[in-house]
Amino acid sequence: MNDTTAWDRRLSVEPTGKNLIGHTGAVLLRRLADRTGLAHHLAQALPTSTGNRWRDRTGVLIEAAIAIVLGARNLSDVERLGAHHTPLLGAPTSDSTLWRTLAAIDQTLLEGINQARAKTRRHVWNLLALRPGGFPTLQVAGKKLTGWIVVDMDATIITASSNKERATGTFKKTFGFHPLAAWCANTYECLAMELRKGNAGSNTAFDHRTVLDQALTQIPGSSRAKILVRIDGAGATHELLDHLEGLGTTRRTVRYTVGWSITTADEEAIAALPEAAWHAALHQDATTDGEYQVPELSGLSTRPGWPQGLRLIVRRVRPSGRHAKNLTALEKRTGWKYSITATNINRMWGIGGSHQPQWLDALHRHHAVVEDRVRCDKAMGLSNLPSQSWTVNRSWVLAANIAHDLDAWLRLLTLHDDEELVVAEPMTMRYRLYHLPAKLTRHARYRVLAIERTWPWAQAFTTCWRRLGALPELR
């Protein structure tokens, strides 16, 4: 017999194992929720009861968030994953109990849960400031954005395969929902997300204002912070830019970059630019890129009704084949494809050269990292919404946001010195840590969760557990 096919000789598979724990990463996430104070703050926001059959709503919501981190995509998955952890975390929540919990989260409870998240985040950010290297700082084109909190906003599509409540056709000719969200680029946290109908507008100023304001309430000390907001072309509306201008105070500095829809007047101003005005754009490593060229358009284009001091940064590139059908007359004549970024940045405090058009262009292009956040969110519970009910789906989105926070906090607080895991995406974390199996044993009145010692990331797992235990518990 060929040796390569003889591996299964005298091998039997039987479901007779005892005290085996699957998806052991749940213990890290549950300990994180306890040590950061998330469970404590949620308990103050969620209803309680002394009834014999009452299931603690805080535990239900945290269990749902942990299951989403582990890969749950619906309510039944939460129950099935919870069954693996019964010896450690107690009996799992049934899908019916989870449904009732999510269905009961009205606007009042939603606000209370978000307040609990904000309180927890304040504690976590204080811990991040104390870790080696301090609070995460963004770096763009060779310059560190020291002291700046960067908020990226974007919308995405969640498709629906059935006629769920408020699911409609989308601008991408699909069917489902069109949520709008804001992420913190420093920490990868999802600060706020608004579930919307599928036909919700991409540039609806009211929705952008709502989500941005919710995100600011999640940022500790936002009333006196230095905040940069980055939005794609959906942000170029009078109402939103006026709102962004109004957020700045004597204590809070707000800067923004938004995509800009090119008008006829803008094209006339672009055509009037001398060739000497165009300079090579910057890569994110601060090297120049001659294929892309950037000047500033401010002062050449009339913009009645727009905020004073608004700057327009133009970017041109040779069009590719996919651009051929959408080129304007100017672009066909000049042989360049143009785009514009609007910003109120004259300079950013503490960042030398932040007024330069090439660097501002690179700063806005760095906004593309938001696509990574969207992809991670969809890998963490938002590829599909689990219910016909709008309220349940809205609450599921909230649970997914909590899951996103837990995953980010675990990596930032306990894996900050691991260059790969600290920026790992959900599938990588599941393969390396979250889905690790273990055996539960007892010795001298202690419980021991034994993981395979030859697993390449066994040390990372035990390091997480040890560092979580060393965190100062918030009460």
Protein backbone atom coordinates (compact mmCIF):
# COMPACT_ATOMS: atom_id res chain seq x y z
CA MET A 1 0.00 0.00 0.00
CA ASN A 2 1.22 3.48 -0.79
CA ASP A 3 2.54 5.10 2.39
CA THR A 4 0.96 8.43 1.48
CA THR A 5 -2.51 6.92 1.84
CA ALA A 6 -1.83 4.69 4.84
CA TRP A 7 -2.15 7.35 7.50
CA ASP A 8 -5.73 6.33 8.43
CA ARG A 9 -5.02 2.63 8.99
CA ARG A 10 -6.38 1.46 12.37
CA LEU A 11 -7.79 4.94 12.95
CA SER A 12 -11.33 5.36 14.29
CA VAL A 13 -13.23 8.54 15.01
CA GLU A 14 -15.66 8.51 17.95
CA PRO A 15 -17.60 11.32 19.69
CA THR A 16 -16.56 10.16 23.16
CA GLY A 17 -14.17 12.90 24.27
CA LYS A 18 -14.70 14.59 27.64
CA ASN A 19 -13.90 18.05 28.97
CA LEU A 20 -12.86 19.31 25.54
CA ILE A 21 -13.32 23.01 24.83
CA GLY A 22 -13.64 24.34 21.30
CA HIS A 23 -13.00 27.92 20.18
CA THR A 24 -11.06 28.64 23.37
CA GLY A 25 -10.52 32.29 22.42
CA ALA A 26 -13.90 32.93 24.00
CA VAL A 27 -12.26 32.90 27.44
CA LEU A 28 -9.92 35.72 26.38
CA LEU A 29 -12.78 37.83 25.06
CA ARG A 30 -14.97 37.21 28.12
CA ARG A 31 -12.14 38.06 30.49
CA LEU A 32 -11.50 41.22 28.46
CA ALA A 33 -15.16 42.26 28.76
CA ASP A 34 -14.95 41.83 32.53
CA ARG A 35 -11.55 43.47 33.10
CA THR A 36 -12.28 46.55 30.98
CA GLY A 37 -15.57 47.16 32.78
CA LEU A 38 -17.77 46.53 29.74
CA ALA A 39 -19.87 43.93 31.56
CA HIS A 40 -20.24 46.25 34.55
CA HIS A 41 -21.37 49.23 32.48
CA LEU A 42 -23.75 47.17 30.36
CA ALA A 43 -25.35 45.79 33.52
CA GLN A 44 -26.21 49.36 34.50
CA ALA A 45 -27.88 50.01 31.15
CA LEU A 46 -29.78 46.76 30.54
CA PRO A 47 -32.94 45.61 32.38
CA THR A 48 -32.69 43.11 35.23
CA SER A 49 -35.08 40.81 37.04
CA THR A 50 -35.10 38.47 40.03
CA GLY A 51 -37.33 35.91 38.29
CA ASN A 52 -36.16 32.30 38.42
CA ARG A 53 -36.21 31.90 34.64
CA TRP A 54 -34.77 35.33 33.83
CA ARG A 55 -31.57 35.26 31.81
CA ASP A 56 -29.14 38.06 32.56
CA ARG A 57 -29.30 40.41 29.55
CA THR A 58 -25.72 41.60 29.99
CA GLY A 59 -24.43 38.06 29.67
CA VAL A 60 -26.66 37.45 26.66
CA LEU A 61 -25.37 40.51 24.77
CA ILE A 62 -21.72 39.80 25.61
CA GLU A 63 -22.14 36.15 24.63
CA ALA A 64 -23.58 37.27 21.28
CA ALA A 65 -20.66 39.67 20.70
CA ILE A 66 -18.10 36.96 21.55
CA ALA A 67 -19.79 34.48 19.23
CA ILE A 68 -19.72 37.07 16.43
CA VAL A 69 -15.96 37.50 16.94
CA LEU A 70 -15.63 33.71 16.69
CA GLY A 71 -17.57 33.68 13.42
CA ALA A 72 -21.28 33.46 14.26
CA ARG A 73 -23.50 34.70 11.42
CA ASN A 74 -26.96 34.16 12.93
CA LEU A 75 -28.76 33.57 16.23
CA SER A 76 -28.47 29.78 16.05
CA ASP A 77 -24.70 30.04 15.62
CA VAL A 78 -24.51 31.98 18.90
CA GLU A 79 -26.25 29.15 20.74
CA ARG A 80 -24.14 26.44 19.11
CA LEU A 81 -20.85 28.20 19.83
CA GLY A 82 -21.92 28.86 23.41
CA ALA A 83 -22.43 25.14 23.94
CA HIS A 84 -18.67 24.62 23.53
CA HIS A 85 -18.00 26.83 26.53
CA THR A 86 -20.57 25.48 29.01
CA PRO A 87 -17.94 24.10 31.46
CA LEU A 88 -16.28 27.53 31.58
CA LEU A 89 -18.95 30.16 30.96
CA GLY A 90 -22.16 28.34 31.89
CA ALA A 91 -25.12 27.17 29.86
CA PRO A 92 -25.44 28.86 26.46
CA THR A 93 -28.12 31.36 25.58
CA SER A 94 -30.89 29.88 23.44
CA ASP A 95 -31.59 31.54 20.11
CA SER A 96 -35.10 32.43 21.30
CA THR A 97 -33.73 34.22 24.38
CA LEU A 98 -31.23 36.06 22.22
CA TRP A 99 -34.01 37.07 19.82
CA ARG A 100 -36.11 38.46 22.68
CA THR A 101 -33.09 40.34 24.05
CA LEU A 102 -32.32 41.96 20.71
CA ALA A 103 -35.99 42.71 20.00
CA ALA A 104 -36.31 44.54 23.33
CA ILE A 105 -33.52 47.05 22.58
CA ASP A 106 -35.49 50.19 21.81
CA GLN A 107 -34.05 53.68 21.27
CA THR A 108 -33.71 54.30 25.02
CA LEU A 109 -31.81 51.06 25.62
CA LEU A 110 -29.74 51.71 22.51
CA GLU A 111 -28.56 55.02 23.92
CA GLY A 112 -27.83 53.43 27.29
CA ILE A 113 -25.72 50.70 25.70
CA ASN A 114 -23.80 53.28 23.68
CA GLN A 115 -23.12 55.21 26.89
CA ALA A 116 -21.79 52.00 28.44
CA ARG A 117 -19.51 51.54 25.42
CA ALA A 118 -18.26 55.12 25.75
CA LYS A 119 -17.45 54.66 29.46
CA THR A 120 -15.58 51.45 28.71
CA ARG A 121 -13.72 53.06 25.83
CA ARG A 122 -12.52 55.87 28.08
CA HIS A 123 -10.97 53.30 30.41
CA VAL A 124 -9.45 51.33 27.53
CA TRP A 125 -7.93 54.44 25.95
CA ASN A 126 -6.38 55.36 29.29
CA LEU A 127 -4.82 51.90 29.38
CA LEU A 128 -3.57 52.29 25.81
CA ALA A 129 -1.87 55.55 26.74
CA LEU A 130 0.04 53.68 29.47
CA ARG A 131 1.27 50.80 27.32
CA PRO A 132 4.73 50.79 25.68
CA GLY A 133 4.55 53.16 22.74
CA GLY A 134 1.51 54.96 24.12
CA PHE A 135 -1.79 55.53 22.34
CA PRO A 136 -1.72 54.45 18.65
CA THR A 137 -0.60 57.22 16.32
CA LEU A 138 -1.31 57.29 12.60
CA GLN A 139 1.52 57.89 10.14
CA VAL A 140 0.82 59.38 6.70
CA ALA A 141 3.46 59.98 4.02
CA GLY A 142 6.29 59.97 6.54
CA LYS A 143 4.62 62.25 9.10
CA LYS A 144 3.19 61.14 12.45
CA LEU A 145 -0.21 62.57 13.35
CA THR A 146 0.78 62.91 17.00
CA GLY A 147 -2.16 63.86 19.21
CA TRP A 148 -4.75 63.58 16.41
CA ILE A 149 -7.77 61.26 16.47
CA VAL A 150 -8.72 60.27 12.93
CA VAL A 151 -12.35 59.36 12.14
CA ASP A 152 -13.09 57.69 8.80
CA MET A 153 -16.67 57.54 7.55
CA ASP A 154 -18.06 55.31 4.81
CA ALA A 155 -21.19 53.44 3.79
CA THR A 156 -21.49 49.87 2.57
CA ILE A 157 -24.07 47.43 1.27
CA ILE A 158 -25.42 44.44 3.19
CA THR A 159 -27.39 42.26 0.82
CA ALA A 160 -30.53 40.37 1.82
CA SER A 161 -31.72 37.14 0.21
CA SER A 162 -35.26 37.50 1.57
CA ASN A 163 -37.80 40.28 1.97
CA LYS A 164 -36.62 41.60 5.32
CA GLU A 165 -38.20 44.61 6.97
CA ARG A 166 -37.02 47.87 5.29
CA ALA A 167 -34.78 46.02 2.84
CA THR A 168 -34.94 47.77 -0.53
CA GLY A 169 -33.05 48.04 -3.79
CA THR A 170 -29.64 49.69 -3.57
CA PHE A 171 -27.69 51.97 -5.88
CA LYS A 172 -25.54 48.96 -6.80
CA LYS A 173 -28.61 47.18 -8.21
CA THR A 174 -28.67 44.75 -5.29
CA PHE A 175 -31.29 44.25 -2.56
CA GLY A 176 -30.75 44.86 1.14
CA PHE A 177 -29.46 47.59 3.44
CA HIS A 178 -27.08 50.55 3.20
CA PRO A 179 -25.55 51.21 6.66
CA LEU A 180 -23.31 54.20 7.34
CA ALA A 181 -20.47 53.94 9.86
CA ALA A 182 -17.56 55.79 11.45
CA TRP A 183 -14.31 54.11 12.49
CA CYS A 184 -11.35 55.33 14.53
CA ALA A 185 -8.31 54.91 12.26
CA ASN A 186 -5.97 54.98 15.28
CA THR A 187 -7.46 51.92 16.97
CA TYR A 188 -9.60 50.25 14.26
CA GLU A 189 -12.69 50.52 16.51
CA CYS A 190 -16.14 50.94 14.97
CA LEU A 191 -17.34 54.01 16.85
CA ALA A 192 -20.86 54.22 15.40
CA MET A 193 -23.00 52.57 12.75
CA GLU A 194 -26.48 53.50 11.55
CA LEU A 195 -28.51 50.77 9.86
CA ARG A 196 -30.37 52.30 6.91
CA LYS A 197 -32.70 51.19 4.14
CA GLY A 198 -31.09 49.97 0.96
CA ASN A 199 -32.20 53.05 -0.95
CA ALA A 200 -30.70 55.50 1.56
CA GLY A 201 -28.68 58.19 -0.20
CA SER A 202 -24.91 58.00 -0.33
CA ASN A 203 -24.54 61.73 0.38
CA THR A 204 -27.42 62.25 2.83
CA ALA A 205 -26.12 65.03 5.07
CA PHE A 206 -28.50 64.27 7.95
CA ASP A 207 -27.29 60.65 8.20
CA HIS A 208 -23.65 61.74 8.10
CA ARG A 209 -24.27 64.30 10.83
CA THR A 210 -26.07 61.73 12.98
CA VAL A 211 -23.34 59.08 12.70
CA LEU A 212 -20.55 61.62 13.15
CA ASP A 213 -22.16 63.02 16.31
CA GLN A 214 -22.59 59.49 17.67
CA ALA A 215 -18.93 58.79 16.92
CA LEU A 216 -17.81 61.93 18.73
CA THR A 217 -19.70 60.85 21.86
CA GLN A 218 -17.65 57.64 21.77
CA ILE A 219 -14.31 59.49 21.67
CA PRO A 220 -13.01 60.15 25.19
CA GLY A 221 -12.44 63.86 25.77
CA SER A 222 -13.74 64.73 22.30
CA SER A 223 -14.80 68.19 23.49
CA ARG A 224 -11.12 69.17 23.78
CA ALA A 225 -9.48 66.87 21.23
CA LYS A 226 -7.76 67.34 17.89
CA ILE A 227 -9.96 65.46 15.44
CA LEU A 228 -9.55 64.78 11.74
CA VAL A 229 -12.62 63.57 9.82
CA ARG A 230 -12.18 61.91 6.43
CA ILE A 231 -15.10 61.18 4.08
CA ASP A 232 -15.23 60.21 0.43
CA GLY A 233 -17.27 62.08 -2.19
CA ALA A 234 -20.45 61.57 -0.18
CA GLY A 235 -19.25 64.23 2.26
CA ALA A 236 -19.19 67.18 -0.14
CA THR A 237 -22.52 68.75 0.83
CA HIS A 238 -23.15 72.27 2.12
CA GLU A 239 -24.96 71.04 5.22
CA LEU A 240 -22.31 68.54 6.29
CA LEU A 241 -19.37 70.89 5.72
CA ASP A 242 -21.16 73.63 7.66
CA HIS A 243 -21.70 71.11 10.46
CA LEU A 244 -18.03 70.13 10.43
CA GLU A 245 -17.02 73.79 10.57
CA GLY A 246 -19.35 74.30 13.53
CA LEU A 247 -17.78 71.45 15.52
CA GLY A 248 -14.60 73.43 16.07
CA THR A 249 -14.42 75.37 19.33
CA THR A 250 -11.78 77.17 21.34
CA ARG A 251 -10.98 73.82 22.96
CA ARG A 252 -11.62 71.40 20.11
CA THR A 253 -9.88 71.47 16.73
CA VAL A 254 -11.71 69.78 13.86
CA ARG A 255 -10.11 69.33 10.45
CA TYR A 256 -11.57 67.41 7.53
CA THR A 257 -10.92 66.10 4.04
CA VAL A 258 -13.80 65.13 1.74
CA GLY A 259 -14.13 64.01 -1.83
CA TRP A 260 -15.39 66.72 -4.20
CA SER A 261 -17.61 66.44 -7.26
CA ILE A 262 -15.96 68.33 -10.11
CA THR A 263 -18.12 71.08 -11.63
CA THR A 264 -17.80 72.96 -14.91
CA ALA A 265 -16.25 75.90 -13.04
CA ASP A 266 -13.70 73.55 -11.50
CA GLU A 267 -12.78 72.16 -14.91
CA GLU A 268 -12.28 75.69 -16.24
CA ALA A 269 -9.97 76.42 -13.30
CA ILE A 270 -8.05 73.18 -13.87
CA ALA A 271 -7.59 74.03 -17.54
CA ALA A 272 -6.17 77.41 -16.53
CA LEU A 273 -3.45 75.87 -14.34
CA PRO A 274 0.04 76.22 -15.80
CA GLU A 275 1.99 73.01 -16.29
CA ALA A 276 4.55 74.21 -13.75
CA ALA A 277 1.87 74.05 -11.04
CA TRP A 278 1.72 70.23 -11.20
CA HIS A 279 4.05 68.35 -8.84
CA ALA A 280 4.59 64.65 -8.23
CA ALA A 281 2.29 63.10 -5.64
CA LEU A 282 3.52 61.32 -2.51
CA HIS A 283 3.37 57.65 -1.61
CA GLN A 284 2.54 56.70 1.96
CA ASP A 285 6.26 56.08 2.56
CA ALA A 286 6.92 59.74 1.57
CA THR A 287 8.56 58.86 -1.75
CA THR A 288 7.32 60.66 -4.87
CA ASP A 289 5.18 59.14 -7.60
CA GLY A 290 5.49 60.82 -10.99
CA GLU A 291 2.48 58.98 -12.40
CA TYR A 292 0.21 61.08 -10.18
CA GLN A 293 0.49 64.86 -10.01
CA VAL A 294 -1.01 67.36 -7.58
CA PRO A 295 -1.52 71.15 -7.41
CA GLU A 296 -3.89 73.34 -5.39
CA LEU A 297 -6.95 74.88 -7.00
CA SER A 298 -8.00 77.28 -4.22
CA GLY A 299 -8.56 80.85 -5.38
CA LEU A 300 -9.14 79.85 -9.00
CA SER A 301 -12.65 78.43 -8.67
CA THR A 302 -15.67 80.35 -7.39
CA ARG A 303 -17.59 78.45 -4.71
CA PRO A 304 -20.53 80.54 -3.46
CA GLY A 305 -22.08 79.21 -0.27
CA TRP A 306 -19.14 76.96 0.68
CA PRO A 307 -17.15 77.53 3.89
CA GLN A 308 -14.56 80.28 3.81
CA GLY A 309 -10.99 79.05 3.55
CA LEU A 310 -11.95 75.82 1.81
CA ARG A 311 -9.03 74.43 -0.18
CA LEU A 312 -9.32 72.25 -3.28
CA ILE A 313 -6.48 69.81 -3.98
CA VAL A 314 -6.48 68.44 -7.53
CA ARG A 315 -5.00 65.11 -8.57
CA ARG A 316 -4.46 63.81 -12.09
CA VAL A 317 -3.47 60.45 -13.52
CA ARG A 318 -3.45 58.87 -16.94
CA PRO A 319 -6.87 57.16 -17.32
CA SER A 320 -7.11 53.40 -17.51
CA GLY A 321 -9.44 51.41 -19.73
CA ARG A 322 -12.19 51.32 -17.11
CA HIS A 323 -12.29 55.12 -17.09
CA ALA A 324 -12.76 55.46 -20.86
CA LYS A 325 -16.57 55.61 -20.85
CA ASN A 326 -16.76 58.24 -18.09
CA LEU A 327 -14.20 60.79 -19.25
CA THR A 328 -15.33 64.40 -19.58
CA ALA A 329 -14.53 66.58 -22.59
CA LEU A 330 -11.63 68.17 -20.69
CA GLU A 331 -10.21 64.80 -19.73
CA LYS A 332 -10.45 63.50 -23.29
CA ARG A 333 -8.74 66.65 -24.58
CA THR A 334 -5.90 66.67 -22.02
CA GLY A 335 -5.45 62.93 -21.65
CA TRP A 336 -5.67 63.06 -17.83
CA LYS A 337 -8.24 61.82 -15.30
CA TYR A 338 -8.92 64.38 -12.55
CA SER A 339 -10.19 64.17 -8.97
CA ILE A 340 -10.47 66.81 -6.24
CA THR A 341 -10.22 66.72 -2.46
CA ALA A 342 -11.75 69.53 -0.39
CA THR A 343 -10.25 70.37 3.00
CA ASN A 344 -10.15 73.09 5.63
CA ILE A 345 -6.56 72.22 6.63
CA ASN A 346 -4.23 75.18 6.54
CA ARG A 347 -2.01 73.33 8.96
CA MET A 348 -2.33 70.62 11.58
CA TRP A 349 -0.82 71.50 14.93
CA GLY A 350 2.40 69.62 15.62
CA ILE A 351 2.85 68.33 12.03
CA GLY A 352 5.44 70.18 9.97
CA GLY A 353 4.62 70.60 6.29
CA SER A 354 0.97 69.67 6.79
CA HIS A 355 -0.10 72.61 4.62
CA GLN A 356 1.51 71.21 1.46
CA PRO A 357 -0.94 70.07 -1.26
CA GLN A 358 1.00 66.86 -1.96
CA TRP A 359 0.84 65.79 1.67
CA LEU A 360 -2.86 66.71 1.96
CA ASP A 361 -3.53 64.57 -1.10
CA ALA A 362 -1.73 61.64 0.56
CA LEU A 363 -3.63 62.28 3.80
CA HIS A 364 -6.98 61.94 2.06
CA ARG A 365 -5.91 58.92 0.00
CA HIS A 366 -4.97 57.20 3.26
CA HIS A 367 -8.73 57.19 3.90
CA ALA A 368 -8.77 54.07 1.70
CA VAL A 369 -7.92 52.04 4.83
CA VAL A 370 -11.63 52.35 5.66
CA GLU A 371 -12.22 49.59 3.09
CA ASP A 372 -10.26 47.26 5.38
CA ARG A 373 -12.56 48.17 8.25
CA VAL A 374 -15.63 47.48 6.11
CA ARG A 375 -14.23 44.10 5.12
CA CYS A 376 -13.47 43.22 8.75
CA ASP A 377 -16.97 44.24 9.84
CA LYS A 378 -18.49 41.99 7.20
CA ALA A 379 -16.27 39.15 8.39
CA MET A 380 -17.55 39.84 11.89
CA GLY A 381 -21.32 39.43 11.71
CA LEU A 382 -22.33 41.92 9.03
CA SER A 383 -22.13 39.90 5.82
CA ASN A 384 -25.83 39.19 6.35
CA LEU A 385 -28.45 40.32 8.87
CA PRO A 386 -30.08 37.38 10.71
CA SER A 387 -33.74 38.38 11.14
CA GLN A 388 -36.84 39.59 9.32
CA SER A 389 -37.28 42.20 12.08
CA TRP A 390 -35.73 45.65 11.65
CA THR A 391 -35.31 46.05 15.44
CA VAL A 392 -33.54 42.71 15.82
CA ASN A 393 -31.26 43.48 12.88
CA ARG A 394 -30.45 46.93 14.27
CA SER A 395 -29.55 45.32 17.61
CA TRP A 396 -27.46 42.69 15.81
CA VAL A 397 -25.48 45.53 14.21
CA LEU A 398 -24.90 46.92 17.71
CA ALA A 399 -23.69 43.51 18.94
CA ALA A 400 -21.36 43.33 15.93
CA ASN A 401 -19.95 46.76 16.85
CA ILE A 402 -19.28 45.52 20.39
CA ALA A 403 -17.61 42.45 18.88
CA HIS A 404 -15.45 44.72 16.73
CA ASP A 405 -14.43 46.65 19.87
CA LEU A 406 -13.54 43.49 21.80
CA ASP A 407 -11.37 42.20 18.98
CA ALA A 408 -9.56 45.55 18.64
CA TRP A 409 -9.07 45.95 22.39
CA LEU A 410 -7.67 42.44 22.80
CA ARG A 411 -5.05 43.03 20.12
CA LEU A 412 -4.13 46.54 21.29
CA LEU A 413 -3.96 45.77 25.01
CA THR A 414 -2.34 42.33 25.00
CA LEU A 415 -0.63 41.85 21.62
CA HIS A 416 0.87 45.31 21.14
CA ASP A 417 4.38 43.87 20.86
CA ASP A 418 3.43 41.26 18.25
CA GLU A 419 3.81 42.99 14.89
CA GLU A 420 1.62 40.46 13.07
CA LEU A 421 -1.21 39.86 15.52
CA VAL A 422 -1.68 43.47 16.59
CA VAL A 423 -2.97 44.30 13.10
CA ALA A 424 -4.40 40.85 12.28
CA GLU A 425 -7.80 40.61 10.61
CA PRO A 426 -10.63 38.37 11.92
CA MET A 427 -9.82 35.26 9.90
CA THR A 428 -6.19 35.35 11.02
CA MET A 429 -7.14 35.81 14.67
CA ARG A 430 -9.60 32.93 14.45
CA TYR A 431 -7.05 30.58 12.92
CA ARG A 432 -4.25 31.49 15.32
CA LEU A 433 -5.99 32.21 18.65
CA TYR A 434 -9.77 32.24 18.75
CA HIS A 435 -10.46 28.74 17.40
CA LEU A 436 -7.71 27.02 19.37
CA PRO A 437 -9.03 23.84 21.09
CA ALA A 438 -8.16 22.91 24.66
CA LYS A 439 -8.84 20.37 27.37
CA LEU A 440 -10.25 21.36 30.74
CA THR A 441 -8.72 19.49 33.70
CA ARG A 442 -8.76 19.89 37.47
CA HIS A 443 -5.77 19.78 39.79
CA ALA A 444 -5.48 20.74 43.48
CA ARG A 445 -8.83 22.58 43.42
CA TYR A 446 -7.77 24.55 40.35
CA ARG A 447 -9.13 24.30 36.83
CA VAL A 448 -6.52 24.09 34.07
CA LEU A 449 -7.27 24.88 30.45
CA ALA A 450 -4.57 22.98 28.58
CA ILE A 451 -3.75 24.00 25.01
CA GLU A 452 -1.37 22.26 22.64
CA ARG A 453 2.14 23.37 23.59
CA THR A 454 3.53 22.92 20.07
CA TRP A 455 0.99 25.30 18.50
CA PRO A 456 3.00 28.25 17.08
CA TRP A 457 0.82 30.82 18.85
CA ALA A 458 0.40 29.01 22.17
CA GLN A 459 2.70 31.54 23.84
CA ALA A 460 0.67 34.42 22.41
CA PHE A 461 -2.50 32.88 23.85
CA THR A 462 -1.07 32.50 27.34
CA THR A 463 0.43 36.00 27.14
CA CYS A 464 -3.03 37.39 26.39
CA TRP A 465 -4.50 35.60 29.38
CA ARG A 466 -1.76 36.79 31.71
CA ARG A 467 -1.89 40.41 30.56
CA LEU A 468 -5.67 40.51 30.82
CA GLY A 469 -5.39 39.39 34.41
CA ALA A 470 -2.94 42.20 35.10
CA LEU A 471 -5.27 44.94 33.83
CA PRO A 472 -6.68 47.22 36.54
CA GLU A 473 -10.34 46.26 36.76
CA LEU A 474 -12.73 49.20 36.46
CA ARG A 475 -15.71 49.36 38.78
